[in-house]
Amino acid sequence: MKTRLDTSLLALHTKVKDQNTTLQELLMKTKKLEVFGARMIGMEEKMLALHNKTENLAAAFQTSILKKLSTINSKIIHPKFKLVGTRYFYIERNVKMMLLTRAAKWEAI
C-alpha cells in the first residue's frame, strides 16, 4: 500500500511540477508580450509625432512656396511695359506713328 501511495504521490508531484513549468513559461510569454506592447505603443507615439511634424513642415513649405510664387507672378512684366511712377505703360520704340494712330492702337491693346 505504501508503494502505491508513493507512486501516486510521485505522479501527482510530477504533474504539479509540469503544470508549474508550463505556468512559468506562460508568465514569461505574458511579460514579453507586455514589454512588446509597451514598445509598440512607444513606437506608435513616435510615429504620430513624426507624422505631425512632417505635416507641419509640409504646410510651412507650401505657404513659403505660395508666397514666393505670388511675388514672382506680380513681378513678371512684359519688357515693353515700363514703370512710370506707380503705373506701367506700353512703350513701343520701333514703330513711328501719329498721335491719333497711337491712341487707336492703345485702345486696341
PDB file of N, CA and C in Angstrom:
ATOM      1  N   MET A   1       0.794  -1.175   0.000  1.00  0.00           N
ATOM      2  CA  MET A   1       0.000   0.000   0.000  1.00  0.00           C
ATOM      3  C   MET A   1       0.855   1.265   0.000  1.00  0.00           C
ATOM      4  N   LYS A   2       1.955   1.216   0.714  1.00  0.00           N
ATOM      5  CA  LYS A   2       2.835   2.358   0.779  1.00  0.00           C
ATOM      6  C   LYS A   2       3.423   2.651  -0.592  1.00  0.00           C
ATOM      7  N   THR A   3       3.786   1.675  -1.329  1.00  0.00           N
ATOM      8  CA  THR A   3       4.358   1.880  -2.654  1.00  0.00           C
ATOM      9  C   THR A   3       3.328   2.477  -3.603  1.00  0.00           C
ATOM     10  N   ARG A   4       2.113   2.033  -3.448  1.00  0.00           N
ATOM     11  CA  ARG A   4       1.074   2.564  -4.297  1.00  0.00           C
ATOM     12  C   ARG A   4       0.849   4.058  -3.992  1.00  0.00           C
ATOM     13  N   LEU A   5       0.867   4.379  -2.727  1.00  0.00           N
ATOM     14  CA  LEU A   5       0.721   5.749  -2.298  1.00  0.00           C
ATOM     15  C   LEU A   5       1.905   6.581  -2.752  1.00  0.00           C
ATOM     16  N   ASP A   6       3.111   6.027  -2.638  1.00  0.00           N
ATOM     17  CA  ASP A   6       4.317   6.723  -3.093  1.00  0.00           C
ATOM     18  C   ASP A   6       4.266   6.961  -4.610  1.00  0.00           C
ATOM     19  N   THR A   7       3.819   5.962  -5.329  1.00  0.00           N
ATOM     20  CA  THR A   7       3.724   6.088  -6.782  1.00  0.00           C
ATOM     21  C   THR A   7       2.695   7.163  -7.139  1.00  0.00           C
ATOM     22  N   SER A   8       1.576   7.156  -6.449  1.00  0.00           N
ATOM     23  CA  SER A   8       0.539   8.140  -6.699  1.00  0.00           C
ATOM     24  C   SER A   8       1.030   9.547  -6.371  1.00  0.00           C
ATOM     25  N   LEU A   9       1.717   9.687  -5.246  1.00  0.00           N
ATOM     26  CA  LEU A   9       2.276  10.981  -4.860  1.00  0.00           C
ATOM     27  C   LEU A   9       3.342  11.445  -5.848  1.00  0.00           C
ATOM     28  N   LEU A  10       4.159  10.527  -6.287  1.00  0.00           N
ATOM     29  CA  LEU A  10       5.206  10.868  -7.267  1.00  0.00           C
ATOM     30  C   LEU A  10       4.573  11.328  -8.583  1.00  0.00           C
ATOM     31  N   ALA A  11       3.518  10.644  -9.012  1.00  0.00           N
ATOM     32  CA  ALA A  11       2.825  11.026 -10.250  1.00  0.00           C
ATOM     33  C   ALA A  11       2.178  12.402 -10.078  1.00  0.00           C
ATOM     34  N   LEU A  12       1.581  12.619  -8.916  1.00  0.00           N
ATOM     35  CA  LEU A  12       0.964  13.903  -8.633  1.00  0.00           C
ATOM     36  C   LEU A  12       2.010  15.015  -8.567  1.00  0.00           C
ATOM     37  N   HIS A  13       3.133  14.732  -7.944  1.00  0.00           N
ATOM     38  CA  HIS A  13       4.235  15.701  -7.852  1.00  0.00           C
ATOM     39  C   HIS A  13       4.767  16.057  -9.245  1.00  0.00           C
ATOM     40  N   THR A  14       4.921  15.058 -10.094  1.00  0.00           N
ATOM     41  CA  THR A  14       5.395  15.278 -11.462  1.00  0.00           C
ATOM     42  C   THR A  14       4.388  16.121 -12.242  1.00  0.00           C
ATOM     43  N   LYS A  15       3.108  15.827 -12.054  1.00  0.00           N
ATOM     44  CA  LYS A  15       2.068  16.581 -12.744  1.00  0.00           C
ATOM     45  C   LYS A  15       2.056  18.041 -12.286  1.00  0.00           C
ATOM     46  N   VAL A  16       2.175  18.277 -10.990  1.00  0.00           N
ATOM     47  CA  VAL A  16       2.209  19.639 -10.452  1.00  0.00           C
ATOM     48  C   VAL A  16       3.449  20.360 -10.945  1.00  0.00           C
ATOM     49  N   LYS A  17       4.570  19.656 -10.968  1.00  0.00           N
ATOM     50  CA  LYS A  17       5.826  20.252 -11.450  1.00  0.00           C
ATOM     51  C   LYS A  17       5.706  20.660 -12.922  1.00  0.00           C
ATOM     52  N   ASP A  18       5.106  19.793 -13.740  1.00  0.00           N
ATOM     53  CA  ASP A  18       4.904  20.106 -15.162  1.00  0.00           C
ATOM     54  C   ASP A  18       3.971  21.307 -15.335  1.00  0.00           C
ATOM     55  N   GLN A  19       2.909  21.356 -14.542  1.00  0.00           N
ATOM     56  CA  GLN A  19       1.985  22.482 -14.617  1.00  0.00           C
ATOM     57  C   GLN A  19       2.668  23.775 -14.170  1.00  0.00           C
ATOM     58  N   ASN A  20       3.509  23.669 -13.165  1.00  0.00           N
ATOM     59  CA  ASN A  20       4.255  24.832 -12.683  1.00  0.00           C
ATOM     60  C   ASN A  20       5.203  25.338 -13.772  1.00  0.00           C
ATOM     61  N   THR A  21       5.875  24.434 -14.452  1.00  0.00           N
ATOM     62  CA  THR A  21       6.781  24.814 -15.538  1.00  0.00           C
ATOM     63  C   THR A  21       5.999  25.477 -16.668  1.00  0.00           C
ATOM     64  N   THR A  22       4.847  24.906 -17.025  1.00  0.00           N
ATOM     65  CA  THR A  22       4.005  25.477 -18.071  1.00  0.00           C
ATOM     66  C   THR A  22       3.515  26.858 -17.664  1.00  0.00           C
ATOM     67  N   LEU A  23       3.121  27.002 -16.410  1.00  0.00           N
ATOM     68  CA  LEU A  23       2.656  28.281 -15.898  1.00  0.00           C
ATOM     69  C   LEU A  23       3.771  29.327 -15.932  1.00  0.00           C
ATOM     70  N   GLN A  24       4.977  28.940 -15.571  1.00  0.00           N
ATOM     71  CA  GLN A  24       6.114  29.874 -15.619  1.00  0.00           C
ATOM     72  C   GLN A  24       6.419  30.291 -17.062  1.00  0.00           C
ATOM     73  N   GLU A  25       6.335  29.354 -17.989  1.00  0.00           N
ATOM     74  CA  GLU A  25       6.569  29.677 -19.396  1.00  0.00           C
ATOM     75  C   GLU A  25       5.513  30.660 -19.905  1.00  0.00           C
ATOM     76  N   LEU A  26       4.253  30.423 -19.527  1.00  0.00           N
ATOM     77  CA  LEU A  26       3.184  31.337 -19.935  1.00  0.00           C
ATOM     78  C   LEU A  26       3.374  32.711 -19.315  1.00  0.00           C
ATOM     79  N   LEU A  27       3.815  32.742 -18.073  1.00  0.00           N
ATOM     80  CA  LEU A  27       4.074  34.019 -17.407  1.00  0.00           C
ATOM     81  C   LEU A  27       5.196  34.780 -18.105  1.00  0.00           C
ATOM     82  N   MET A  28       6.239  34.082 -18.517  1.00  0.00           N
ATOM     83  CA  MET A  28       7.349  34.719 -19.245  1.00  0.00           C
ATOM     84  C   MET A  28       6.857  35.259 -20.590  1.00  0.00           C
ATOM     85  N   LYS A  29       6.028  34.480 -21.280  1.00  0.00           N
ATOM     86  CA  LYS A  29       5.483  34.936 -22.557  1.00  0.00           C
ATOM     87  C   LYS A  29       4.604  36.164 -22.354  1.00  0.00           C
ATOM     88  N   THR A  30       3.823  36.163 -21.281  1.00  0.00           N
ATOM     89  CA  THR A  30       2.956  37.297 -20.984  1.00  0.00           C
ATOM     90  C   THR A  30       3.780  38.544 -20.707  1.00  0.00           C
ATOM     91  N   LYS A  31       4.860  38.381 -19.955  1.00  0.00           N
ATOM     92  CA  LYS A  31       5.738  39.520 -19.665  1.00  0.00           C
ATOM     93  C   LYS A  31       6.380  40.033 -20.947  1.00  0.00           C
ATOM     94  N   LYS A  32       6.800  39.108 -21.811  1.00  0.00           N
ATOM     95  CA  LYS A  32       7.393  39.517 -23.083  1.00  0.00           C
ATOM     96  C   LYS A  32       6.364  40.270 -23.932  1.00  0.00           C
ATOM     97  N   LEU A  33       5.120  39.777 -23.927  1.00  0.00           N
ATOM     98  CA  LEU A  33       4.071  40.455 -24.683  1.00  0.00           C
ATOM     99  C   LEU A  33       3.781  41.835 -24.110  1.00  0.00           C
ATOM    100  N   GLU A  34       3.810  41.970 -22.791  1.00  0.00           N
ATOM    101  CA  GLU A  34       3.597  43.281 -22.180  1.00  0.00           C
ATOM    102  C   GLU A  34       4.703  44.249 -22.575  1.00  0.00           C
ATOM    103  N   VAL A  35       5.948  43.772 -22.547  1.00  0.00           N
ATOM    104  CA  VAL A  35       7.077  44.614 -22.950  1.00  0.00           C
ATOM    105  C   VAL A  35       6.950  44.981 -24.420  1.00  0.00           C
ATOM    106  N   PHE A  36       6.590  43.990 -25.247  1.00  0.00           N
ATOM    107  CA  PHE A  36       6.420  44.245 -26.675  1.00  0.00           C
ATOM    108  C   PHE A  36       5.299  45.253 -26.906  1.00  0.00           C
ATOM    109  N   GLY A  37       4.179  45.099 -26.191  1.00  0.00           N
ATOM    110  CA  GLY A  37       3.065  46.035 -26.321  1.00  0.00           C
ATOM    111  C   GLY A  37       3.469  47.445 -25.921  1.00  0.00           C
ATOM    112  N   ALA A  38       4.234  47.563 -24.834  1.00  0.00           N
ATOM    113  CA  ALA A  38       4.697  48.884 -24.398  1.00  0.00           C
ATOM    114  C   ALA A  38       5.612  49.502 -25.452  1.00  0.00           C
ATOM    115  N   ARG A  39       6.467  48.683 -26.038  1.00  0.00           N
ATOM    116  CA  ARG A  39       7.355  49.189 -27.099  1.00  0.00           C
ATOM    117  C   ARG A  39       6.548  49.636 -28.313  1.00  0.00           C
ATOM    118  N   MET A  40       5.526  48.851 -28.660  1.00  0.00           N
ATOM    119  CA  MET A  40       4.687  49.204 -29.808  1.00  0.00           C
ATOM    120  C   MET A  40       3.960  50.524 -29.560  1.00  0.00           C
ATOM    121  N   ILE A  41       3.469  50.721 -28.346  1.00  0.00           N
ATOM    122  CA  ILE A  41       2.783  51.974 -28.018  1.00  0.00           C
ATOM    123  C   ILE A  41       3.761  53.136 -28.123  1.00  0.00           C
ATOM    124  N   GLY A  42       4.981  52.935 -27.614  1.00  0.00           N
ATOM    125  CA  GLY A  42       6.013  53.975 -27.719  1.00  0.00           C
ATOM    126  C   GLY A  42       6.346  54.295 -29.164  1.00  0.00           C
ATOM    127  N   MET A  43       6.474  53.260 -29.985  1.00  0.00           N
ATOM    128  CA  MET A  43       6.777  53.473 -31.404  1.00  0.00           C
ATOM    129  C   MET A  43       5.627  54.180 -32.105  1.00  0.00           C
ATOM    130  N   GLU A  44       4.402  53.809 -31.748  1.00  0.00           N
ATOM    131  CA  GLU A  44       3.234  54.439 -32.358  1.00  0.00           C
ATOM    132  C   GLU A  44       3.191  55.932 -32.007  1.00  0.00           C
ATOM    133  N   GLU A  45       3.507  56.264 -30.761  1.00  0.00           N
ATOM    134  CA  GLU A  45       3.529  57.670 -30.350  1.00  0.00           C
ATOM    135  C   GLU A  45       4.610  58.445 -31.103  1.00  0.00           C
ATOM    136  N   LYS A  46       5.784  57.827 -31.260  1.00  0.00           N
ATOM    137  CA  LYS A  46       6.870  58.478 -32.002  1.00  0.00           C
ATOM    138  C   LYS A  46       6.489  58.679 -33.466  1.00  0.00           C
ATOM    139  N   MET A  47       5.856  57.668 -34.057  1.00  0.00           N
ATOM    140  CA  MET A  47       5.444  57.789 -35.459  1.00  0.00           C
ATOM    141  C   MET A  47       4.393  58.879 -35.624  1.00  0.00           C
ATOM    142  N   LEU A  48       3.467  58.976 -34.682  1.00  0.00           N
ATOM    143  CA  LEU A  48       2.445  60.015 -34.739  1.00  0.00           C
ATOM    144  C   LEU A  48       3.076  61.399 -34.617  1.00  0.00           C
ATOM    145  N   ALA A  49       4.056  61.528 -33.719  1.00  0.00           N
ATOM    146  CA  ALA A  49       4.753  62.809 -33.564  1.00  0.00           C
ATOM    147  C   ALA A  49       5.496  63.170 -34.848  1.00  0.00           C
ATOM    148  N   LEU A  50       6.166  62.192 -35.459  1.00  0.00           N
ATOM    149  CA  LEU A  50       6.870  62.445 -36.721  1.00  0.00           C
ATOM    150  C   LEU A  50       5.893  62.813 -37.834  1.00  0.00           C
ATOM    151  N   HIS A  51       4.751  62.144 -37.861  1.00  0.00           N
ATOM    152  CA  HIS A  51       3.730  62.454 -38.873  1.00  0.00           C
ATOM    153  C   HIS A  51       3.244  63.897 -38.713  1.00  0.00           C
ATOM    154  N   ASN A  52       2.962  64.286 -37.476  1.00  0.00           N
ATOM    155  CA  ASN A  52       2.503  65.658 -37.233  1.00  0.00           C
ATOM    156  C   ASN A  52       3.581  66.669 -37.610  1.00  0.00           C
ATOM    157  N   LYS A  53       4.832  66.365 -37.276  1.00  0.00           N
ATOM    158  CA  LYS A  53       5.932  67.268 -37.608  1.00  0.00           C
ATOM    159  C   LYS A  53       6.069  67.393 -39.122  1.00  0.00           C
ATOM    160  N   THR A  54       5.955  66.272 -39.823  1.00  0.00           N
ATOM    161  CA  THR A  54       6.055  66.279 -41.281  1.00  0.00           C
ATOM    162  C   THR A  54       4.925  67.094 -41.898  1.00  0.00           C
ATOM    163  N   GLU A  55       3.709  66.925 -41.372  1.00  0.00           N
ATOM    164  CA  GLU A  55       2.585  67.704 -41.893  1.00  0.00           C
ATOM    165  C   GLU A  55       2.798  69.201 -41.664  1.00  0.00           C
ATOM    166  N   ASN A  56       3.303  69.563 -40.496  1.00  0.00           N
ATOM    167  CA  ASN A  56       3.561  70.978 -40.201  1.00  0.00           C
ATOM    168  C   ASN A  56       4.629  71.538 -41.130  1.00  0.00           C
ATOM    169  N   LEU A  57       5.691  70.761 -41.352  1.00  0.00           N
ATOM    170  CA  LEU A  57       6.752  71.216 -42.257  1.00  0.00           C
ATOM    171  C   LEU A  57       6.229  71.348 -43.684  1.00  0.00           C
ATOM    172  N   ALA A  58       5.407  70.406 -44.107  1.00  0.00           N
ATOM    173  CA  ALA A  58       4.848  70.464 -45.462  1.00  0.00           C
ATOM    174  C   ALA A  58       3.950  71.693 -45.620  1.00  0.00           C
ATOM    175  N   ALA A  59       3.148  71.988 -44.604  1.00  0.00           N
ATOM    176  CA  ALA A  59       2.274  73.164 -44.667  1.00  0.00           C
ATOM    177  C   ALA A  59       3.095  74.450 -44.701  1.00  0.00           C
ATOM    178  N   ALA A  60       4.158  74.501 -43.892  1.00  0.00           N
ATOM    179  CA  ALA A  60       5.017  75.688 -43.892  1.00  0.00           C
ATOM    180  C   ALA A  60       5.716  75.838 -45.241  1.00  0.00           C
ATOM    181  N   PHE A  61       6.175  74.733 -45.803  1.00  0.00           N
ATOM    182  CA  PHE A  61       6.836  74.766 -47.104  1.00  0.00           C
ATOM    183  C   PHE A  61       5.871  75.237 -48.186  1.00  0.00           C
ATOM    184  N   GLN A  62       4.645  74.717 -48.150  1.00  0.00           N
ATOM    185  CA  GLN A  62       3.647  75.109 -49.139  1.00  0.00           C
ATOM    186  C   GLN A  62       3.338  76.599 -49.025  1.00  0.00           C
ATOM    187  N   THR A  63       3.204  77.093 -47.802  1.00  0.00           N
ATOM    188  CA  THR A  63       2.944  78.513 -47.596  1.00  0.00           C
ATOM    189  C   THR A  63       4.096  79.349 -48.141  1.00  0.00           C
ATOM    190  N   SER A  64       5.318  78.917 -47.857  1.00  0.00           N
ATOM    191  CA  SER A  64       6.501  79.632 -48.332  1.00  0.00           C
ATOM    192  C   SER A  64       6.550  79.663 -49.859  1.00  0.00           C
ATOM    193  N   ILE A  65       6.290  78.526 -50.476  1.00  0.00           N
ATOM    194  CA  ILE A  65       6.307  78.444 -51.943  1.00  0.00           C
ATOM    195  C   ILE A  65       5.216  79.333 -52.535  1.00  0.00           C
ATOM    196  N   LEU A  66       4.031  79.311 -51.947  1.00  0.00           N
ATOM    197  CA  LEU A  66       2.937  80.138 -52.470  1.00  0.00           C
ATOM    198  C   LEU A  66       3.260  81.625 -52.355  1.00  0.00           C
ATOM    199  N   LYS A  67       3.900  82.027 -51.263  1.00  0.00           N
ATOM    200  CA  LYS A  67       4.297  83.434 -51.118  1.00  0.00           C
ATOM    201  C   LYS A  67       5.311  83.814 -52.187  1.00  0.00           C
ATOM    202  N   LYS A  68       6.297  82.934 -52.395  1.00  0.00           N
ATOM    203  CA  LYS A  68       7.315  83.218 -53.409  1.00  0.00           C
ATOM    204  C   LYS A  68       6.699  83.279 -54.799  1.00  0.00           C
ATOM    205  N   LEU A  69       5.787  82.347 -55.091  1.00  0.00           N
ATOM    206  CA  LEU A  69       5.143  82.351 -56.405  1.00  0.00           C
ATOM    207  C   LEU A  69       4.303  83.605 -56.609  1.00  0.00           C
ATOM    208  N   SER A  70       3.631  84.053 -55.573  1.00  0.00           N
ATOM    209  CA  SER A  70       2.812  85.256 -55.734  1.00  0.00           C
ATOM    210  C   SER A  70       3.688  86.478 -55.976  1.00  0.00           C
ATOM    211  N   THR A  71       4.853  86.546 -55.336  1.00  0.00           N
ATOM    212  CA  THR A  71       5.752  87.678 -55.597  1.00  0.00           C
ATOM    213  C   THR A  71       6.373  87.563 -56.985  1.00  0.00           C
ATOM    214  N   ILE A  72       6.663  86.361 -57.420  1.00  0.00           N
ATOM    215  CA  ILE A  72       7.225  86.173 -58.763  1.00  0.00           C
ATOM    216  C   ILE A  72       6.192  86.559 -59.808  1.00  0.00           C
ATOM    217  N   ASN A  73       4.950  86.080 -59.627  1.00  0.00           N
ATOM    218  CA  ASN A  73       3.897  86.389 -60.597  1.00  0.00           C
ATOM    219  C   ASN A  73       3.625  87.883 -60.673  1.00  0.00           C
ATOM    220  N   SER A  74       3.709  88.566 -59.561  1.00  0.00           N
ATOM    221  CA  SER A  74       3.441  90.005 -59.601  1.00  0.00           C
ATOM    222  C   SER A  74       4.602  90.775 -60.215  1.00  0.00           C
ATOM    223  N   LYS A  75       5.782  90.178 -60.282  1.00  0.00           N
ATOM    224  CA  LYS A  75       6.945  90.872 -60.828  1.00  0.00           C
ATOM    225  C   LYS A  75       7.178  90.577 -62.304  1.00  0.00           C
ATOM    226  N   ILE A  76       6.456  89.645 -62.892  1.00  0.00           N
ATOM    227  CA  ILE A  76       6.647  89.316 -64.297  1.00  0.00           C
ATOM    228  C   ILE A  76       5.897  90.351 -65.133  1.00  0.00           C
ATOM    229  N   ILE A  77       6.650  91.150 -65.837  1.00  0.00           N
ATOM    230  CA  ILE A  77       6.078  92.226 -66.632  1.00  0.00           C
ATOM    231  C   ILE A  77       6.678  92.138 -68.033  1.00  0.00           C
ATOM    232  N   HIS A  78       5.828  92.289 -69.010  1.00  0.00           N
ATOM    233  CA  HIS A  78       6.297  92.260 -70.392  1.00  0.00           C
ATOM    234  C   HIS A  78       7.363  93.344 -70.564  1.00  0.00           C
ATOM    235  N   PRO A  79       8.436  93.049 -71.311  1.00  0.00           N
ATOM    236  CA  PRO A  79       9.532  94.010 -71.438  1.00  0.00           C
ATOM    237  C   PRO A  79       9.150  95.341 -72.084  1.00  0.00           C
ATOM    238  N   LYS A  80       8.072  95.364 -72.848  1.00  0.00           N
ATOM    239  CA  LYS A  80       7.699  96.625 -73.496  1.00  0.00           C
ATOM    240  C   LYS A  80       6.903  97.538 -72.568  1.00  0.00           C
ATOM    241  N   PHE A  81       6.536  97.049 -71.390  1.00  0.00           N
ATOM    242  CA  PHE A  81       5.853  97.883 -70.415  1.00  0.00           C
ATOM    243  C   PHE A  81       6.891  98.458 -69.463  1.00  0.00           C
ATOM    244  N   LYS A  82       6.842  99.760 -69.245  1.00  0.00           N
ATOM    245  CA  LYS A  82       7.803 100.440 -68.375  1.00  0.00           C
ATOM    246  C   LYS A  82       7.049 101.086 -67.222  1.00  0.00           C
ATOM    247  N   LEU A  83       7.694 101.072 -66.066  1.00  0.00           N
ATOM    248  CA  LEU A  83       7.112 101.681 -64.883  1.00  0.00           C
ATOM    249  C   LEU A  83       7.321 103.194 -64.937  1.00  0.00           C
ATOM    250  N   VAL A  84       6.226 103.913 -64.904  1.00  0.00           N
ATOM    251  CA  VAL A  84       6.271 105.368 -64.870  1.00  0.00           C
ATOM    252  C   VAL A  84       5.486 105.778 -63.629  1.00  0.00           C
ATOM    253  N   GLY A  85       6.198 106.209 -62.608  1.00  0.00           N
ATOM    254  CA  GLY A  85       5.550 106.498 -61.332  1.00  0.00           C
ATOM    255  C   GLY A  85       5.133 105.201 -60.674  1.00  0.00           C
ATOM    256  N   THR A  86       3.842 105.021 -60.481  1.00  0.00           N
ATOM    257  CA  THR A  86       3.349 103.787 -59.866  1.00  0.00           C
ATOM    258  C   THR A  86       2.610 102.910 -60.861  1.00  0.00           C
ATOM    259  N   ARG A  87       2.576 103.337 -62.144  1.00  0.00           N
ATOM    260  CA  ARG A  87       1.840 102.590 -63.158  1.00  0.00           C
ATOM    261  C   ARG A  87       2.780 102.148 -64.267  1.00  0.00           C
ATOM    262  N   TYR A  88       2.337 101.133 -65.019  1.00  0.00           N
ATOM    263  CA  TYR A  88       3.117 100.624 -66.142  1.00  0.00           C
ATOM    264  C   TYR A  88       2.483 101.105 -67.448  1.00  0.00           C
ATOM    265  N   PHE A  89       3.354 101.477 -68.382  1.00  0.00           N
ATOM    266  CA  PHE A  89       2.909 101.947 -69.683  1.00  0.00           C
ATOM    267  C   PHE A  89       3.598 101.147 -70.772  1.00  0.00           C
ATOM    268  N   TYR A  90       2.846 100.924 -71.860  1.00  0.00           N
ATOM    269  CA  TYR A  90       3.386 100.214 -73.016  1.00  0.00           C
ATOM    270  C   TYR A  90       4.198 101.199 -73.844  1.00  0.00           C
ATOM    271  N   ILE A  91       5.467 100.872 -74.050  1.00  0.00           N
ATOM    272  CA  ILE A  91       6.361 101.757 -74.800  1.00  0.00           C
ATOM    273  C   ILE A  91       6.807 101.013 -76.055  1.00  0.00           C
ATOM    274  N   GLU A  92       6.442 101.545 -77.209  1.00  0.00           N
ATOM    275  CA  GLU A  92       6.849 100.978 -78.495  1.00  0.00           C
ATOM    276  C   GLU A  92       7.910 101.896 -79.062  1.00  0.00           C
ATOM    277  N   ARG A  93       9.108 101.387 -79.254  1.00  0.00           N
ATOM    278  CA  ARG A  93      10.223 102.214 -79.705  1.00  0.00           C
ATOM    279  C   ARG A  93      10.529 102.020 -81.199  1.00  0.00           C
ATOM    280  N   ASN A  94      10.084 100.931 -81.772  1.00  0.00           N
ATOM    281  CA  ASN A  94      10.458 100.634 -83.156  1.00  0.00           C
ATOM    282  C   ASN A  94       9.481 101.193 -84.185  1.00  0.00           C
ATOM    283  N   VAL A  95       8.275 101.464 -83.799  1.00  0.00           N
ATOM    284  CA  VAL A  95       7.259 101.896 -84.759  1.00  0.00           C
ATOM    285  C   VAL A  95       6.969 103.370 -84.531  1.00  0.00           C
ATOM    286  N   LYS A  96       7.089 104.154 -85.596  1.00  0.00           N
ATOM    287  CA  LYS A  96       6.780 105.583 -85.539  1.00  0.00           C
ATOM    288  C   LYS A  96       5.392 105.779 -86.114  1.00  0.00           C
ATOM    289  N   MET A  97       4.516 106.472 -85.380  1.00  0.00           N
ATOM    290  CA  MET A  97       3.171 106.726 -85.886  1.00  0.00           C
ATOM    291  C   MET A  97       2.642 108.026 -85.301  1.00  0.00           C
ATOM    292  N   MET A  98       1.585 108.472 -85.879  1.00  0.00           N
ATOM    293  CA  MET A  98       0.959 109.719 -85.459  1.00  0.00           C
ATOM    294  C   MET A  98       0.215 109.502 -84.145  1.00  0.00           C
ATOM    295  N   LEU A  99      -0.082 110.592 -83.475  1.00  0.00           N
ATOM    296  CA  LEU A  99      -0.728 110.551 -82.171  1.00  0.00           C
ATOM    297  C   LEU A  99      -2.086 109.859 -82.227  1.00  0.00           C
ATOM    298  N   LEU A 100      -2.914 110.163 -83.248  1.00  0.00           N
ATOM    299  CA  LEU A 100      -4.230 109.535 -83.336  1.00  0.00           C
ATOM    300  C   LEU A 100      -4.133 108.034 -83.607  1.00  0.00           C
ATOM    301  N   THR A 101      -3.152 107.646 -84.408  1.00  0.00           N
ATOM    302  CA  THR A 101      -2.940 106.231 -84.688  1.00  0.00           C
ATOM    303  C   THR A 101      -2.496 105.513 -83.427  1.00  0.00           C
ATOM    304  N   ARG A 102      -1.616 106.177 -82.668  1.00  0.00           N
ATOM    305  CA  ARG A 102      -1.164 105.598 -81.400  1.00  0.00           C
ATOM    306  C   ARG A 102      -2.345 105.405 -80.446  1.00  0.00           C
ATOM    307  N   ALA A 103      -3.218 106.377 -80.387  1.00  0.00           N
ATOM    308  CA  ALA A 103      -4.380 106.284 -79.494  1.00  0.00           C
ATOM    309  C   ALA A 103      -5.273 105.111 -79.899  1.00  0.00           C
ATOM    310  N   ALA A 104      -5.456 104.929 -81.207  1.00  0.00           N
ATOM    311  CA  ALA A 104      -6.285 103.820 -81.693  1.00  0.00           C
ATOM    312  C   ALA A 104      -5.640 102.473 -81.346  1.00  0.00           C
ATOM    313  N   LYS A 105      -4.323 102.405 -81.508  1.00  0.00           N
ATOM    314  CA  LYS A 105      -3.614 101.173 -81.182  1.00  0.00           C
ATOM    315  C   LYS A 105      -3.682 100.898 -79.696  1.00  0.00           C
ATOM    316  N   TRP A 106      -3.566 101.945 -78.903  1.00  0.00           N
ATOM    317  CA  TRP A 106      -3.627 101.805 -77.442  1.00  0.00           C
ATOM    318  C   TRP A 106      -4.986 101.252 -77.020  1.00  0.00           C
ATOM    319  N   GLU A 107      -6.062 101.744 -77.634  1.00  0.00           N
ATOM    320  CA  GLU A 107      -7.388 101.253 -77.320  1.00  0.00           C
ATOM    321  C   GLU A 107      -7.550  99.789 -77.724  1.00  0.00           C
ATOM    322  N   ALA A 108      -6.855  99.390 -78.786  1.00  0.00           N
ATOM    323  CA  ALA A 108      -6.938  98.008 -79.244  1.00  0.00           C
ATOM    324  C   ALA A 108      -6.223  97.073 -78.268  1.00  0.00           C
ATOM    325  N   ILE A 109      -5.217  97.565 -77.599  1.00  0.00           N
ATOM    326  CA  ILE A 109      -4.482  96.730 -76.642  1.00  0.00           C
ATOM    327  C   ILE A 109      -5.345  96.513 -75.432  1.00  0.00           C
TER     328      ILE A 109
END
